[in-house]
Amino acid sequence: MTLVPTTTSHGATSFDVVLSDGTQEVVHGADAYQQESSMTTFFRNDTGRQAVDCWSVRVASFRTEHILAIRRVDESLGELRHLHPA
């Protein structure tokens, strides 16, 4: 049996949020975000999906009018290696 790289795994996800007053917030553990009325809310999904549904957990919220930029940051864990018959 040999180890063959089959895919790259991503570790923790975070979002860098730049606010209009020049401050930068980092939201750790969120997989997705969406606008909810006047707020932009970040959500965690146990499956790591980028969709928001009824099982999503709110992690943080910011007033949408105060947000200048949002950047998603995925920490790479490297290649996943699986055993395959030689």
C-alpha atoms as a PDB file:
ATOM      1  CA  MET A   1       0.000   0.000   0.000  1.00  0.00           C
ATOM      2  CA  THR A   2       1.176   3.506  -0.765  1.00  0.00           C
ATOM      3  CA  LEU A   3       0.181   6.941   0.465  1.00  0.00           C
ATOM      4  CA  VAL A   4      -1.215   9.049  -2.358  1.00  0.00           C
ATOM      5  CA  PRO A   5      -2.167  12.729  -1.931  1.00  0.00           C
ATOM      6  CA  THR A   6      -5.802  13.001  -2.972  1.00  0.00           C
ATOM      7  CA  THR A   7      -6.941  16.419  -1.782  1.00  0.00           C
ATOM      8  CA  THR A   8      -6.006  19.417   0.296  1.00  0.00           C
ATOM      9  CA  SER A   9      -7.690  19.792   3.666  1.00  0.00           C
ATOM     10  CA  HIS A  10      -8.610  23.170   5.108  1.00  0.00           C
ATOM     11  CA  GLY A  11      -8.454  23.752   8.825  1.00  0.00           C
ATOM     12  CA  ALA A  12     -10.136  26.495  10.743  1.00  0.00           C
ATOM     13  CA  THR A  13     -11.890  29.281   8.900  1.00  0.00           C
ATOM     14  CA  SER A  14     -11.979  32.894   9.996  1.00  0.00           C
ATOM     15  CA  PHE A  15     -13.143  36.188   8.530  1.00  0.00           C
ATOM     16  CA  ASP A  16     -11.248  39.494   8.652  1.00  0.00           C
ATOM     17  CA  VAL A  17     -13.737  42.357   8.964  1.00  0.00           C
ATOM     18  CA  VAL A  18     -12.559  45.928   8.319  1.00  0.00           C
ATOM     19  CA  LEU A  19     -14.819  48.538   9.908  1.00  0.00           C
ATOM     20  CA  SER A  20     -15.346  52.157   8.846  1.00  0.00           C
ATOM     21  CA  ASP A  21     -13.512  53.505  11.924  1.00  0.00           C
ATOM     22  CA  GLY A  22     -10.352  51.718  10.745  1.00  0.00           C
ATOM     23  CA  THR A  23     -10.480  48.856  13.223  1.00  0.00           C
ATOM     24  CA  GLN A  24     -10.154  45.258  12.102  1.00  0.00           C
ATOM     25  CA  GLU A  25     -12.048  42.401  13.751  1.00  0.00           C
ATOM     26  CA  VAL A  26     -11.285  38.721  13.246  1.00  0.00           C
ATOM     27  CA  VAL A  27     -14.233  36.313  13.480  1.00  0.00           C
ATOM     28  CA  HIS A  28     -12.956  32.797  14.226  1.00  0.00           C
ATOM     29  CA  GLY A  29     -14.970  29.627  13.687  1.00  0.00           C
ATOM     30  CA  ALA A  30     -17.494  31.056  11.221  1.00  0.00           C
ATOM     31  CA  ASP A  31     -18.241  29.255   7.957  1.00  0.00           C
ATOM     32  CA  ALA A  32     -20.580  31.794   6.352  1.00  0.00           C
ATOM     33  CA  TYR A  33     -22.186  35.208   6.747  1.00  0.00           C
ATOM     34  CA  GLN A  34     -25.304  36.967   5.529  1.00  0.00           C
ATOM     35  CA  GLN A  35     -27.094  40.265   5.937  1.00  0.00           C
ATOM     36  CA  GLU A  36     -29.972  40.251   8.431  1.00  0.00           C
ATOM     37  CA  SER A  37     -31.829  43.543   8.284  1.00  0.00           C
ATOM     38  CA  SER A  38     -29.273  46.230   9.298  1.00  0.00           C
ATOM     39  CA  MET A  39     -26.744  43.675  10.601  1.00  0.00           C
ATOM     40  CA  THR A  40     -24.270  41.324   8.909  1.00  0.00           C
ATOM     41  CA  THR A  41     -24.131  38.090  10.913  1.00  0.00           C
ATOM     42  CA  PHE A  42     -21.469  35.380  10.835  1.00  0.00           C
ATOM     43  CA  PHE A  43     -22.529  31.747  11.300  1.00  0.00           C
ATOM     44  CA  ARG A  44     -20.908  28.428  12.187  1.00  0.00           C
ATOM     45  CA  ASN A  45     -22.143  25.191  10.630  1.00  0.00           C
ATOM     46  CA  ASP A  46     -21.042  21.864  12.091  1.00  0.00           C
ATOM     47  CA  THR A  47     -20.503  20.509   8.591  1.00  0.00           C
ATOM     48  CA  GLY A  48     -18.342  23.446   7.495  1.00  0.00           C
ATOM     49  CA  ARG A  49     -20.750  24.319   4.675  1.00  0.00           C
ATOM     50  CA  GLN A  50     -20.835  27.887   3.419  1.00  0.00           C
ATOM     51  CA  ALA A  51     -24.653  27.971   3.486  1.00  0.00           C
ATOM     52  CA  VAL A  52     -26.801  29.341   6.309  1.00  0.00           C
ATOM     53  CA  ASP A  53     -29.758  27.243   7.443  1.00  0.00           C
ATOM     54  CA  CYS A  54     -31.864  26.624  10.559  1.00  0.00           C
ATOM     55  CA  TRP A  55     -29.020  24.590  12.157  1.00  0.00           C
ATOM     56  CA  SER A  56     -26.469  27.403  11.837  1.00  0.00           C
ATOM     57  CA  VAL A  57     -25.177  29.029  15.017  1.00  0.00           C
ATOM     58  CA  ARG A  58     -24.651  32.803  15.191  1.00  0.00           C
ATOM     59  CA  VAL A  59     -21.044  33.697  16.035  1.00  0.00           C
ATOM     60  CA  ALA A  60     -20.887  37.504  15.631  1.00  0.00           C
ATOM     61  CA  SER A  61     -22.794  40.439  14.154  1.00  0.00           C
ATOM     62  CA  PHE A  62     -21.780  43.892  12.929  1.00  0.00           C
ATOM     63  CA  ARG A  63     -23.793  46.827  11.630  1.00  0.00           C
ATOM     64  CA  THR A  64     -23.674  46.464   7.847  1.00  0.00           C
ATOM     65  CA  GLU A  65     -23.238  50.234   7.355  1.00  0.00           C
ATOM     66  CA  HIS A  66     -19.981  50.097   9.378  1.00  0.00           C
ATOM     67  CA  ILE A  67     -18.363  47.312   7.303  1.00  0.00           C
ATOM     68  CA  LEU A  68     -15.858  48.325   4.617  1.00  0.00           C
ATOM     69  CA  ALA A  69     -14.538  44.861   3.714  1.00  0.00           C
ATOM     70  CA  ILE A  70     -14.845  41.180   4.618  1.00  0.00           C
ATOM     71  CA  ARG A  71     -12.143  38.652   3.757  1.00  0.00           C
ATOM     72  CA  ARG A  72     -12.430  34.887   4.292  1.00  0.00           C
ATOM     73  CA  VAL A  73      -9.229  33.202   5.537  1.00  0.00           C
ATOM     74  CA  ASP A  74      -8.848  29.407   5.341  1.00  0.00           C
ATOM     75  CA  GLU A  75      -5.955  27.892   7.254  1.00  0.00           C
ATOM     76  CA  SER A  76      -4.612  25.006   5.204  1.00  0.00           C
ATOM     77  CA  LEU A  77      -3.747  21.807   7.042  1.00  0.00           C
ATOM     78  CA  GLY A  78      -1.959  20.403   4.008  1.00  0.00           C
ATOM     79  CA  GLU A  79      -2.551  17.409   1.802  1.00  0.00           C
ATOM     80  CA  LEU A  80      -4.706  14.505   2.910  1.00  0.00           C
ATOM     81  CA  ARG A  81      -3.087  11.190   2.132  1.00  0.00           C
ATOM     82  CA  HIS A  82      -5.074   8.011   1.723  1.00  0.00           C
ATOM     83  CA  LEU A  83      -3.837   4.438   1.497  1.00  0.00           C
ATOM     84  CA  HIS A  84      -4.312   2.863  -1.923  1.00  0.00           C
ATOM     85  CA  PRO A  85      -3.373  -0.642  -3.039  1.00  0.00           C
ATOM     86  CA  ALA A  86      -0.026  -0.696  -4.835  1.00  0.00           C
END
